[in-house]
Amino acid sequence: MQTQDTLTGGQALVRLLANYQVDTVFGIPGVHTLELYRGLPGSGIRHVLTRHEQGAGFMADGYARVTGKPGVCFVITGPGVTNASTPIGQAYADSIPMLVISSVNHTASLGKGWGCLHETQDQRALTAPITAFSAVALTPEDLPELIARAYAVFDSERPRPVHISVPLDVLAAPIARDWTAEVVRRPTRGVPATEVLAAAAAKLAAAKRPMIIAGGGALNAGAEVQQLSQRLAAPVFTSVAGKGLLAVDEPLNAGSTLCTEAGWQLIAQADVVLAVGTEMADTDFWRERLPLTGELIRVDIDPRKFNDFYPCALALQGDSQHTVRALVEQLPDANAASGEAQDAVATVQAAVKASHGPLQKIHQAILDRVQAALPANAFISTDMTQLAYTGNYAFASSQPRSWLHPTGYGTLGYGLPAGIGAKFGAPQRPGLVLVGDGGFLYTAQELATAVEELDSPLVVLLWNNDALGQIRDDMLGLDIEPIGVLPRNPDFAALARAFGCEVREPQSLAQLETDLHSGFAHAGVTLIELKHTCAQ
């Protein structure tokens, strides 16, 4: 019999998470997670009620991207897990740390097909392919071990989601001992062996045209990458996840332009390419393979990247910050002459703008207005929309963790909930969501969460072209009659007002800039609907 002082497994798990410095969880309470919610009062953990489990997962993702800490969500067994599986897949594709705690049916029923409420025959198998690991806690005493294992992934491996299922009887069972303070965090910040570092440094020092590609795995290594770039006179490209790694005005910063013809032409001239913390995916390059003609050196915490689509001449397994710093220390103290490399970067940047097509010119004009109104410390969360695709390479981010885009999985509906989650991770930072009319309707219900919970600026810029524009254009490009790409949209302004948002409907780009300033001055949620006819 449980005494008043005995903690259930669910209560103890919440206390353990609080001791791991979890301050926010996203979720929706359900009959199968009640014991988790018993533990929340007095824990110091803020619970954010989302309106769909997909929203909970995307909010956890956005929280993680701006903070670097794992985002946490609570979901019920069965439909809660399947609803959350899309954001879990997105986080897996983009190497985002996320901890998903779900219930599962009673231990005695697992896999037996008894027809229990929310029953899934093998819930762990659903998420195993899209997580670093997925496990079931069969006793309350399994929980501290599994949470420690999750944080070992977040701290020392390629950060990816972890899913832990807890049966209903385990959530409700009294714990046999108090393990709520058993926090195990042993971050490893390894560097490659000295001889490998020396070989890499020698190749870089001897290179005539070295270049660097830095990704989301290098977000903590901006200063080191900049120092290495200057030491070698090496242009630096970033992936979309690495946007903002170098200062906008850094003359060797080529930005995320490796998806453009000008970027491809420049990287083809490199005799040595150093790739730091990037999987070098075609979703960043917009072509099947980069035209690399020089030797490739890779720095990555994930050894599986060394012999995949881009096998490397030298593999440096280790933490990006410490490894790049060690490379710098192996090089001569003097910076190489960088005039030619700076000119090459300036040529790329000019060529990118000059190559804009009619649609990209409209996007650039909108993005220029955004740039003019955006507060210095703001972040931008984007959806899968043509405006964001142009922004991925044409918008200059002034700092890392400021451009949140669902690159790898490419999930529609990401932008709004991820932006809301980012606000909880960095409430002092103004937020902007860039979303198209199609993607907005995937998760529009999360405006209810935003209006209810936020008391600082979040601006939602809805680019309404009354179409699934990218798919329509792709169909036309392939000589396919457009079908299913011209949906009937609701009255977005009335919808936003119904949720309690401030609403703006600019009729020109000049008015857009004014409305953006107003939105960033409003302590709450503002929806700005920009129709394509007003941006031409």
Protein backbone atom coordinates (compact mmCIF):
# COMPACT_ATOMS: atom_id res chain seq x y z
CA MET A 1 0.00 0.00 0.00
CA GLN A 2 1.36 3.45 -0.96
CA THR A 3 2.01 5.83 1.91
CA GLN A 4 1.73 9.58 1.65
CA ASP A 5 5.51 9.96 1.51
CA THR A 6 6.10 7.27 -1.12
CA LEU A 7 6.65 8.52 -4.65
CA THR A 8 5.16 6.76 -7.63
CA GLY A 9 7.33 6.04 -10.63
CA GLY A 10 5.71 8.94 -12.47
CA GLN A 11 6.30 11.41 -9.64
CA ALA A 12 9.87 10.29 -9.18
CA LEU A 13 10.57 10.58 -12.91
CA VAL A 14 9.44 14.21 -12.90
CA ARG A 15 11.67 14.97 -9.90
CA LEU A 16 14.58 13.30 -11.66
CA LEU A 17 14.01 15.42 -14.77
CA ALA A 18 13.96 18.56 -12.62
CA ASN A 19 17.33 17.52 -11.19
CA TYR A 20 18.60 17.23 -14.76
CA GLN A 21 17.70 20.95 -15.05
CA VAL A 22 14.62 20.38 -17.21
CA ASP A 23 12.57 23.56 -16.81
CA THR A 24 9.84 23.11 -19.45
CA VAL A 25 7.82 20.20 -20.82
CA PHE A 26 5.37 20.33 -23.71
CA GLY A 27 2.38 18.06 -23.82
CA ILE A 28 -1.30 17.27 -23.38
CA PRO A 29 -2.45 15.39 -20.27
CA GLY A 30 -4.36 12.20 -20.94
CA VAL A 31 -5.75 9.29 -19.00
CA HIS A 32 -2.52 7.38 -19.58
CA THR A 33 -0.15 10.10 -18.30
CA LEU A 34 -1.93 11.13 -15.10
CA GLU A 35 0.87 9.84 -12.88
CA LEU A 36 3.36 12.09 -14.68
CA TYR A 37 1.09 15.05 -14.06
CA ARG A 38 0.79 14.11 -10.39
CA GLY A 39 4.50 14.89 -10.18
CA LEU A 40 4.49 18.30 -11.88
CA PRO A 41 3.12 20.57 -9.09
CA GLY A 42 6.01 21.83 -6.99
CA SER A 43 8.62 20.37 -9.35
CA GLY A 44 9.71 23.72 -10.78
CA ILE A 45 8.98 22.42 -14.28
CA ARG A 46 6.67 24.51 -16.42
CA HIS A 47 4.09 22.57 -18.36
CA VAL A 48 3.02 24.04 -21.71
CA LEU A 49 -0.34 22.77 -22.94
CA THR A 50 -0.19 22.23 -26.68
CA ARG A 51 -3.21 21.56 -28.85
CA HIS A 52 -1.84 18.47 -30.60
CA GLU A 53 1.01 16.07 -29.83
CA GLN A 54 2.64 17.08 -33.11
CA GLY A 55 2.76 20.62 -31.74
CA ALA A 56 4.35 19.33 -28.53
CA GLY A 57 7.14 17.66 -30.48
CA PHE A 58 7.81 20.65 -32.71
CA MET A 59 7.81 22.99 -29.70
CA ALA A 60 10.36 20.75 -28.00
CA ASP A 61 12.43 20.91 -31.20
CA GLY A 62 12.31 24.72 -31.34
CA TYR A 63 13.19 24.94 -27.64
CA ALA A 64 16.20 22.71 -28.24
CA ARG A 65 17.43 24.61 -31.28
CA VAL A 66 17.61 27.99 -29.54
CA THR A 67 18.95 26.71 -26.21
CA GLY A 68 21.14 23.76 -27.16
CA LYS A 69 19.39 21.83 -24.35
CA PRO A 70 17.13 18.84 -24.98
CA GLY A 71 13.48 19.68 -25.50
CA VAL A 72 11.13 17.49 -23.48
CA CYS A 73 7.55 16.39 -24.17
CA PHE A 74 5.01 14.14 -22.45
CA VAL A 75 2.60 12.18 -24.66
CA ILE A 76 0.17 9.33 -24.17
CA THR A 77 0.61 5.85 -25.54
CA GLY A 78 -0.73 4.97 -28.99
CA PRO A 79 -2.10 8.04 -30.79
CA GLY A 80 0.06 10.40 -28.74
CA VAL A 81 3.18 8.60 -29.88
CA THR A 82 2.09 8.30 -33.50
CA ASN A 83 1.14 12.00 -33.56
CA ALA A 84 4.54 12.91 -32.15
CA SER A 85 6.46 10.64 -34.50
CA THR A 86 6.66 13.27 -37.26
CA PRO A 87 8.47 15.83 -35.05
CA ILE A 88 10.61 13.00 -33.67
CA GLY A 89 11.61 12.18 -37.25
CA GLN A 90 12.34 15.85 -37.96
CA ALA A 91 14.55 16.10 -34.89
CA TYR A 92 16.35 12.91 -35.87
CA ALA A 93 17.03 14.18 -39.38
CA ASP A 94 18.39 17.51 -38.10
CA SER A 95 20.33 16.14 -35.08
CA ILE A 96 18.20 17.86 -32.44
CA PRO A 97 18.23 16.63 -28.81
CA MET A 98 14.70 15.71 -27.71
CA LEU A 99 13.43 13.57 -24.86
CA VAL A 100 9.99 12.05 -25.45
CA ILE A 101 8.40 10.44 -22.42
CA SER A 102 5.28 8.45 -23.17
CA SER A 103 3.07 6.01 -21.38
CA VAL A 104 2.39 2.53 -22.71
CA ASN A 105 -0.16 -0.07 -21.68
CA HIS A 106 0.20 -2.25 -18.57
CA THR A 107 3.23 -4.51 -18.62
CA ALA A 108 1.12 -7.68 -18.58
CA SER A 109 -0.66 -6.66 -21.79
CA LEU A 110 2.32 -5.62 -23.93
CA GLY A 111 2.32 -7.24 -27.35
CA LYS A 112 -0.68 -9.45 -26.60
CA GLY A 113 -3.35 -7.68 -28.64
CA TRP A 114 -5.97 -7.59 -25.92
CA GLY A 115 -7.58 -4.47 -27.38
CA CYS A 116 -6.65 -2.19 -24.49
CA LEU A 117 -7.27 1.54 -24.81
CA HIS A 118 -4.62 3.21 -27.02
CA GLU A 119 -2.98 -0.17 -27.60
CA THR A 120 -0.14 -0.36 -30.10
CA GLN A 121 1.33 -3.78 -30.72
CA ASP A 122 4.95 -2.66 -30.48
CA GLN A 123 5.23 1.02 -29.64
CA ARG A 124 8.99 0.95 -29.26
CA ALA A 125 9.34 -0.36 -32.81
CA LEU A 126 7.49 2.70 -34.12
CA THR A 127 10.10 5.15 -32.88
CA ALA A 128 13.26 3.03 -32.93
CA PRO A 129 14.20 4.02 -36.52
CA ILE A 130 13.85 7.76 -35.77
CA THR A 131 15.57 7.94 -32.37
CA ALA A 132 19.04 7.45 -30.97
CA PHE A 133 17.30 4.76 -28.95
CA SER A 134 13.80 3.82 -27.88
CA ALA A 135 13.31 1.81 -24.70
CA VAL A 136 10.63 0.57 -22.32
CA ALA A 137 11.05 0.96 -18.55
CA LEU A 138 9.79 -2.33 -17.11
CA THR A 139 10.31 -1.24 -13.49
CA PRO A 140 10.56 2.17 -11.80
CA GLU A 141 14.22 1.41 -11.12
CA ASP A 142 14.89 1.27 -14.87
CA LEU A 143 14.06 4.98 -15.18
CA PRO A 144 17.23 6.59 -13.76
CA GLU A 145 19.39 4.34 -15.93
CA LEU A 146 17.42 5.18 -19.08
CA ILE A 147 17.44 8.94 -18.38
CA ALA A 148 21.20 8.79 -17.78
CA ARG A 149 21.61 6.96 -21.07
CA ALA A 150 19.54 9.63 -22.82
CA TYR A 151 21.74 12.41 -21.47
CA ALA A 152 24.84 10.47 -22.52
CA VAL A 153 23.50 10.80 -26.08
CA PHE A 154 22.72 14.50 -25.65
CA ASP A 155 26.08 15.30 -24.04
CA SER A 156 28.55 13.09 -25.87
CA GLU A 157 27.15 11.76 -29.13
CA ARG A 158 25.45 13.13 -32.19
CA PRO A 159 22.39 14.67 -30.49
CA ARG A 160 19.19 12.98 -31.54
CA PRO A 161 15.79 12.21 -30.00
CA VAL A 162 15.28 9.56 -27.34
CA HIS A 163 11.92 7.92 -26.62
CA ILE A 164 11.22 6.23 -23.29
CA SER A 165 7.93 4.37 -22.84
CA VAL A 166 6.69 3.78 -19.29
CA PRO A 167 3.91 1.23 -18.69
CA LEU A 168 0.90 2.39 -16.72
CA ASP A 169 1.65 0.07 -13.81
CA VAL A 170 5.26 1.31 -13.65
CA LEU A 171 4.10 4.94 -13.60
CA ALA A 172 1.76 4.15 -10.70
CA ALA A 173 4.02 1.80 -8.75
CA PRO A 174 5.79 3.07 -5.60
CA ILE A 175 9.53 3.33 -6.03
CA ALA A 176 11.63 0.90 -3.99
CA ARG A 177 14.29 3.53 -3.26
CA ASP A 178 14.70 7.24 -3.89
CA TRP A 179 16.71 7.64 -7.09
CA THR A 180 15.44 11.12 -7.95
CA ALA A 181 18.81 12.77 -7.29
CA GLU A 182 20.86 10.27 -9.28
CA VAL A 183 21.95 12.67 -12.02
CA VAL A 184 24.66 11.25 -14.25
CA ARG A 185 26.24 13.63 -16.72
CA ARG A 186 29.73 12.96 -18.03
CA PRO A 187 30.18 15.03 -21.19
CA THR A 188 33.12 13.87 -23.27
CA ARG A 189 34.90 16.51 -25.31
CA GLY A 190 37.35 14.35 -27.15
CA VAL A 191 39.82 15.30 -29.86
CA PRO A 192 41.39 13.03 -32.48
CA ALA A 193 44.79 11.46 -32.00
CA THR A 194 47.78 13.80 -32.27
CA GLU A 195 49.11 12.19 -35.43
CA VAL A 196 45.78 12.56 -37.23
CA LEU A 197 45.54 16.20 -36.20
CA ALA A 198 49.08 16.80 -37.42
CA ALA A 199 48.34 15.16 -40.78
CA ALA A 200 45.19 17.25 -41.23
CA ALA A 201 46.95 20.46 -40.26
CA ALA A 202 49.76 19.69 -42.74
CA LYS A 203 47.28 19.17 -45.58
CA LEU A 204 45.45 22.40 -44.74
CA ALA A 205 48.68 24.40 -44.43
CA ALA A 206 49.91 23.14 -47.79
CA ALA A 207 46.61 23.78 -49.59
CA LYS A 208 46.53 26.49 -52.24
CA ARG A 209 42.75 27.00 -52.05
CA PRO A 210 41.44 25.54 -48.80
CA MET A 211 37.75 25.93 -47.99
CA ILE A 212 35.53 25.06 -45.00
CA ILE A 213 31.97 23.71 -44.78
CA ALA A 214 30.49 24.03 -41.28
CA GLY A 215 27.16 22.63 -40.11
CA GLY A 216 24.90 22.40 -37.11
CA GLY A 217 27.48 20.32 -35.30
CA ALA A 218 29.80 23.34 -35.29
CA LEU A 219 27.41 25.82 -33.63
CA ASN A 220 29.59 25.99 -30.53
CA ALA A 221 32.75 26.42 -32.58
CA GLY A 222 32.11 29.73 -34.32
CA ALA A 223 35.15 31.52 -32.88
CA GLU A 224 37.41 28.57 -33.66
CA VAL A 225 36.11 28.20 -37.23
CA GLN A 226 36.60 31.92 -37.82
CA GLN A 227 40.17 31.75 -36.49
CA LEU A 228 40.95 28.75 -38.67
CA SER A 229 39.40 30.46 -41.69
CA GLN A 230 41.54 33.55 -41.16
CA ARG A 231 44.68 31.51 -40.52
CA LEU A 232 44.21 29.63 -43.80
CA ALA A 233 42.48 32.37 -45.83
CA ALA A 234 39.73 29.80 -46.37
CA PRO A 235 36.18 30.77 -47.37
CA VAL A 236 33.56 29.33 -45.03
CA PHE A 237 30.27 27.88 -46.27
CA THR A 238 27.64 26.81 -43.76
CA SER A 239 24.72 24.47 -43.98
CA VAL A 240 21.29 25.86 -43.16
CA ALA A 241 21.69 24.48 -39.62
CA GLY A 242 24.98 26.39 -39.34
CA LYS A 243 23.61 29.78 -40.41
CA GLY A 244 24.94 32.63 -38.30
CA LEU A 245 28.10 30.78 -37.34
CA LEU A 246 30.26 33.70 -38.53
CA ALA A 247 29.51 37.41 -38.39
CA VAL A 248 27.56 38.74 -41.35
CA ASP A 249 30.35 41.17 -42.24
CA GLU A 250 33.14 38.58 -41.99
CA PRO A 251 34.73 38.84 -45.47
CA LEU A 252 35.39 35.10 -45.70
CA ASN A 253 31.80 34.18 -44.79
CA ALA A 254 30.18 32.69 -47.91
CA GLY A 255 27.04 31.85 -45.95
CA SER A 256 24.72 28.99 -46.85
CA THR A 257 25.16 29.43 -50.60
CA LEU A 258 26.22 25.88 -51.45
CA CYS A 259 22.76 25.41 -52.99
CA THR A 260 23.55 27.94 -55.74
CA GLU A 261 25.50 27.76 -58.97
CA ALA A 262 27.98 30.34 -57.69
CA GLY A 263 28.62 28.32 -54.54
CA TRP A 264 29.10 25.12 -56.52
CA GLN A 265 31.60 26.83 -58.80
CA LEU A 266 33.66 28.12 -55.89
CA ILE A 267 33.76 24.86 -53.90
CA ALA A 268 34.86 23.05 -57.07
CA GLN A 269 38.05 25.13 -57.02
CA ALA A 270 39.10 23.95 -53.54
CA ASP A 271 42.09 21.64 -53.36
CA VAL A 272 41.31 20.77 -49.69
CA VAL A 273 37.87 20.97 -48.08
CA LEU A 274 37.42 20.75 -44.31
CA ALA A 275 33.87 19.70 -43.36
CA VAL A 276 33.06 20.38 -39.70
CA GLY A 277 29.96 18.98 -38.03
CA THR A 278 27.91 18.54 -41.18
CA GLU A 279 26.51 15.44 -42.85
CA MET A 280 26.82 17.18 -46.23
CA ALA A 281 23.28 16.31 -47.27
CA ASP A 282 21.65 17.04 -50.60
CA THR A 283 18.91 18.94 -48.75
CA ASP A 284 21.52 21.64 -48.10
CA PHE A 285 23.15 21.54 -51.53
CA TRP A 286 20.07 21.15 -53.78
CA ARG A 287 21.96 18.71 -55.98
CA GLU A 288 22.84 15.06 -55.66
CA ARG A 289 26.56 15.62 -55.19
CA LEU A 290 28.82 18.62 -54.69
CA PRO A 291 31.51 19.01 -57.35
CA LEU A 292 34.39 18.32 -54.97
CA THR A 293 37.68 17.87 -56.79
CA GLY A 294 40.06 18.32 -53.86
CA GLU A 295 40.74 16.19 -50.80
CA LEU A 296 38.08 16.07 -48.10
CA ILE A 297 38.87 16.18 -44.38
CA ARG A 298 35.95 15.61 -42.02
CA VAL A 299 35.50 16.58 -38.38
CA ASP A 300 32.51 14.85 -36.83
CA ILE A 301 31.38 13.29 -33.60
CA ASP A 302 29.57 10.59 -35.60
CA PRO A 303 32.05 8.10 -37.12
CA ARG A 304 29.41 6.87 -39.57
CA LYS A 305 29.85 10.07 -41.57
CA PHE A 306 33.44 9.32 -42.56
CA ASN A 307 32.67 6.72 -45.20
CA ASP A 308 29.21 7.54 -46.42
CA PHE A 309 28.26 9.53 -49.53
CA TYR A 310 31.44 11.66 -49.23
CA PRO A 311 34.29 9.39 -48.10
CA CYS A 312 37.13 11.44 -46.68
CA ALA A 313 40.90 11.39 -46.96
CA LEU A 314 41.26 12.06 -43.23
CA ALA A 315 38.73 11.42 -40.48
CA LEU A 316 38.87 13.47 -37.29
CA GLN A 317 36.39 12.08 -34.78
CA GLY A 318 35.76 14.45 -31.92
CA ASP A 319 34.06 17.55 -30.60
CA SER A 320 34.06 20.27 -33.24
CA GLN A 321 35.12 23.13 -30.96
CA HIS A 322 38.03 21.28 -29.40
CA THR A 323 39.12 19.67 -32.66
CA VAL A 324 39.15 22.90 -34.68
CA ARG A 325 40.98 24.65 -31.84
CA ALA A 326 43.58 21.87 -31.89
CA LEU A 327 43.97 22.28 -35.65
CA VAL A 328 44.58 26.01 -35.24
CA GLU A 329 47.27 25.28 -32.68
CA GLN A 330 49.04 23.04 -35.19
CA LEU A 331 49.23 25.80 -37.82
CA PRO A 332 51.70 28.68 -38.17
CA ASP A 333 50.74 31.74 -36.11
CA ALA A 334 50.49 34.17 -39.01
CA ASN A 335 47.29 34.51 -41.03
CA ALA A 336 47.58 33.75 -44.72
CA ALA A 337 47.00 36.50 -47.28
CA SER A 338 43.25 36.49 -47.84
CA GLY A 339 42.63 39.05 -50.58
CA GLU A 340 41.97 36.51 -53.30
CA ALA A 341 39.68 34.42 -51.07
CA GLN A 342 37.74 37.50 -49.96
CA ASP A 343 37.24 38.52 -53.58
CA ALA A 344 35.97 35.03 -54.39
CA VAL A 345 33.43 35.20 -51.55
CA ALA A 346 32.27 38.66 -52.63
CA THR A 347 31.83 37.34 -56.17
CA VAL A 348 29.66 34.49 -54.91
CA GLN A 349 27.47 36.83 -52.88
CA ALA A 350 26.99 39.20 -55.80
CA ALA A 351 26.27 36.34 -58.20
CA VAL A 352 23.63 34.88 -55.88
CA LYS A 353 21.63 38.10 -55.88
CA ALA A 354 22.12 38.61 -59.60
CA SER A 355 20.82 35.11 -60.34
CA HIS A 356 17.46 35.58 -58.61
CA GLY A 357 14.50 34.68 -60.78
CA PRO A 358 11.27 36.71 -60.68
CA LEU A 359 9.88 34.79 -57.68
CA GLN A 360 13.16 34.97 -55.75
CA LYS A 361 13.30 38.72 -56.36
CA ILE A 362 9.91 39.04 -54.66
CA HIS A 363 11.16 36.91 -51.78
CA GLN A 364 14.33 39.00 -51.50
CA ALA A 365 12.28 42.19 -51.33
CA ILE A 366 10.22 40.73 -48.47
CA LEU A 367 13.32 39.44 -46.68
CA ASP A 368 14.95 42.86 -46.99
CA ARG A 369 11.98 44.37 -45.16
CA VAL A 370 12.25 41.65 -42.53
CA GLN A 371 15.95 42.40 -42.13
CA ALA A 372 15.23 46.10 -41.69
CA ALA A 373 12.65 45.52 -38.93
CA LEU A 374 14.14 42.51 -37.15
CA PRO A 375 15.52 43.19 -33.65
CA ALA A 376 19.18 42.34 -33.26
CA ASN A 377 18.60 39.40 -30.92
CA ALA A 378 15.58 37.91 -32.72
CA PHE A 379 15.26 34.38 -34.06
CA ILE A 380 13.33 33.22 -37.11
CA SER A 381 11.45 29.92 -37.27
CA THR A 382 10.50 28.87 -40.78
CA ASP A 383 8.20 26.39 -42.43
CA MET A 384 8.57 24.52 -45.70
CA THR A 385 7.59 27.45 -47.88
CA GLN A 386 9.18 29.07 -50.92
CA LEU A 387 9.89 32.27 -48.99
CA ALA A 388 11.97 30.30 -46.52
CA TYR A 389 13.73 28.34 -49.26
CA THR A 390 15.05 31.61 -50.64
CA GLY A 391 15.84 32.80 -47.12
CA ASN A 392 17.88 29.66 -46.46
CA TYR A 393 20.63 31.00 -48.70
CA ALA A 394 19.74 34.69 -49.22
CA PHE A 395 18.99 35.82 -45.66
CA ALA A 396 22.01 36.61 -43.49
CA SER A 397 21.67 35.46 -39.88
CA SER A 398 23.63 37.57 -37.41
CA GLN A 399 24.15 34.82 -34.81
CA PRO A 400 23.80 31.04 -34.50
CA ARG A 401 20.59 29.41 -33.28
CA SER A 402 18.63 32.15 -35.02
CA TRP A 403 17.31 30.47 -38.19
CA LEU A 404 15.26 27.37 -37.40
CA HIS A 405 14.36 25.38 -40.50
CA PRO A 406 13.20 21.74 -40.91
CA THR A 407 15.91 20.89 -43.39
CA GLY A 408 16.33 17.13 -43.48
CA TYR A 409 12.83 15.72 -42.99
CA GLY A 410 11.21 18.72 -44.62
CA THR A 411 8.09 18.79 -42.48
CA LEU A 412 5.17 21.07 -43.30
CA GLY A 413 3.65 22.63 -40.18
CA TYR A 414 6.98 23.00 -38.39
CA GLY A 415 7.38 26.78 -38.33
CA LEU A 416 4.64 27.94 -35.94
CA PRO A 417 5.01 25.40 -33.11
CA ALA A 418 8.81 25.45 -33.34
CA GLY A 419 8.74 29.23 -33.02
CA ILE A 420 6.47 28.95 -29.97
CA GLY A 421 8.81 26.40 -28.39
CA ALA A 422 11.79 28.64 -29.10
CA LYS A 423 10.05 31.46 -27.22
CA PHE A 424 9.93 29.28 -24.11
CA GLY A 425 13.62 28.50 -24.51
CA ALA A 426 14.57 32.16 -25.05
CA PRO A 427 11.67 34.34 -23.86
CA GLN A 428 13.85 37.46 -23.98
CA ARG A 429 14.37 37.03 -27.74
CA PRO A 430 11.71 38.35 -30.13
CA GLY A 431 10.53 35.63 -32.49
CA LEU A 432 9.42 35.64 -36.12
CA VAL A 433 7.67 32.76 -37.85
CA LEU A 434 7.83 32.57 -41.66
CA VAL A 435 5.07 30.29 -42.90
CA GLY A 436 3.07 29.72 -46.06
CA ASP A 437 -0.67 29.32 -46.22
CA GLY A 438 -0.45 25.56 -46.82
CA GLY A 439 1.93 24.75 -43.97
CA PHE A 440 0.16 27.12 -41.58
CA LEU A 441 -2.99 25.03 -41.67
CA TYR A 442 -1.09 21.93 -40.52
CA THR A 443 -0.58 23.39 -37.05
CA ALA A 444 -2.64 26.60 -36.90
CA GLN A 445 -4.33 25.37 -33.73
CA GLU A 446 -1.12 26.07 -31.81
CA LEU A 447 -1.96 29.78 -31.99
CA ALA A 448 -4.15 28.94 -28.97
CA THR A 449 -1.07 27.88 -27.01
CA ALA A 450 0.88 30.95 -28.13
CA VAL A 451 -1.83 33.44 -27.17
CA GLU A 452 -2.48 31.72 -23.86
CA GLU A 453 1.15 31.40 -22.78
CA LEU A 454 3.29 34.12 -24.35
CA ASP A 455 3.71 37.65 -23.03
CA SER A 456 6.58 38.77 -25.27
CA PRO A 457 6.76 39.37 -29.04
CA LEU A 458 6.09 36.55 -31.47
CA VAL A 459 5.26 37.69 -35.00
CA VAL A 460 3.78 35.22 -37.48
CA LEU A 461 4.38 36.35 -41.07
CA LEU A 462 1.96 34.37 -43.20
CA TRP A 463 2.97 34.43 -46.88
CA ASN A 464 -0.32 33.73 -48.63
CA ASN A 465 0.01 32.85 -52.29
CA ASP A 466 -3.28 30.92 -52.27
CA ALA A 467 -1.50 27.79 -53.45
CA LEU A 468 0.82 24.96 -52.61
CA GLY A 469 3.24 27.04 -54.61
CA GLN A 470 6.33 24.82 -54.73
CA ILE A 471 4.37 21.72 -55.74
CA ARG A 472 2.41 23.68 -58.34
CA ASP A 473 5.64 24.98 -59.83
CA ASP A 474 7.20 21.51 -59.76
CA MET A 475 4.19 20.07 -61.58
CA LEU A 476 4.36 22.76 -64.23
CA GLY A 477 8.09 22.22 -64.59
CA LEU A 478 7.50 18.52 -65.28
CA ASP A 479 4.60 19.21 -67.66
CA ILE A 480 2.09 17.71 -65.19
CA GLU A 481 -1.36 19.24 -65.04
CA PRO A 482 -1.56 20.91 -61.59
CA ILE A 483 -3.93 18.97 -59.33
CA GLY A 484 -4.63 19.58 -55.66
CA VAL A 485 -2.45 22.68 -55.39
CA LEU A 486 -5.06 25.44 -55.31
CA PRO A 487 -6.93 24.91 -52.04
CA ARG A 488 -9.67 27.20 -50.77
CA ASN A 489 -8.17 29.08 -47.85
CA PRO A 490 -10.08 30.35 -44.82
CA ASP A 491 -10.17 33.98 -43.76
CA PHE A 492 -6.80 33.88 -42.02
CA ALA A 493 -7.23 37.30 -40.39
CA ALA A 494 -10.58 36.31 -38.87
CA LEU A 495 -9.11 32.99 -37.75
CA ALA A 496 -6.21 34.70 -35.99
CA ARG A 497 -8.54 37.19 -34.32
CA ALA A 498 -10.65 34.28 -33.08
CA PHE A 499 -7.57 32.92 -31.32
CA GLY A 500 -6.88 36.35 -29.80
CA CYS A 501 -3.97 37.49 -31.98
CA GLU A 502 -3.23 41.01 -33.05
CA VAL A 503 -3.68 41.07 -36.83
CA ARG A 504 -2.12 43.14 -39.59
CA GLU A 505 -2.86 42.96 -43.32
CA PRO A 506 -0.27 45.09 -45.14
CA GLN A 507 -1.06 46.22 -48.66
CA SER A 508 2.53 47.01 -49.63
CA LEU A 509 6.09 46.14 -48.67
CA ALA A 510 6.52 49.52 -47.00
CA GLN A 511 3.49 48.81 -44.85
CA LEU A 512 4.86 45.34 -44.13
CA GLU A 513 7.97 46.87 -42.60
CA THR A 514 5.84 49.18 -40.45
CA ASP A 515 3.67 46.27 -39.33
CA LEU A 516 6.72 44.20 -38.47
CA HIS A 517 8.00 47.00 -36.22
CA SER A 518 4.59 47.15 -34.55
CA GLY A 519 4.53 43.38 -34.08
CA PHE A 520 7.93 43.32 -32.43
CA ALA A 521 6.76 46.07 -30.08
CA HIS A 522 3.68 44.06 -29.01
CA ALA A 523 4.01 41.81 -25.95
CA GLY A 524 2.14 38.91 -27.45
CA VAL A 525 1.27 37.25 -30.74
CA THR A 526 0.80 39.21 -33.97
CA LEU A 527 -0.25 37.60 -37.24
CA ILE A 528 0.72 39.50 -40.39
CA GLU A 529 -0.92 38.15 -43.51
CA LEU A 530 0.99 39.22 -46.61
CA LYS A 531 -0.80 38.31 -49.82
CA HIS A 532 1.30 37.67 -52.89
CA THR A 533 -0.54 40.37 -54.78
CA CYS A 534 0.71 42.97 -52.28
CA ALA A 535 4.38 42.07 -52.67
CA GLN A 536 4.79 42.54 -56.41
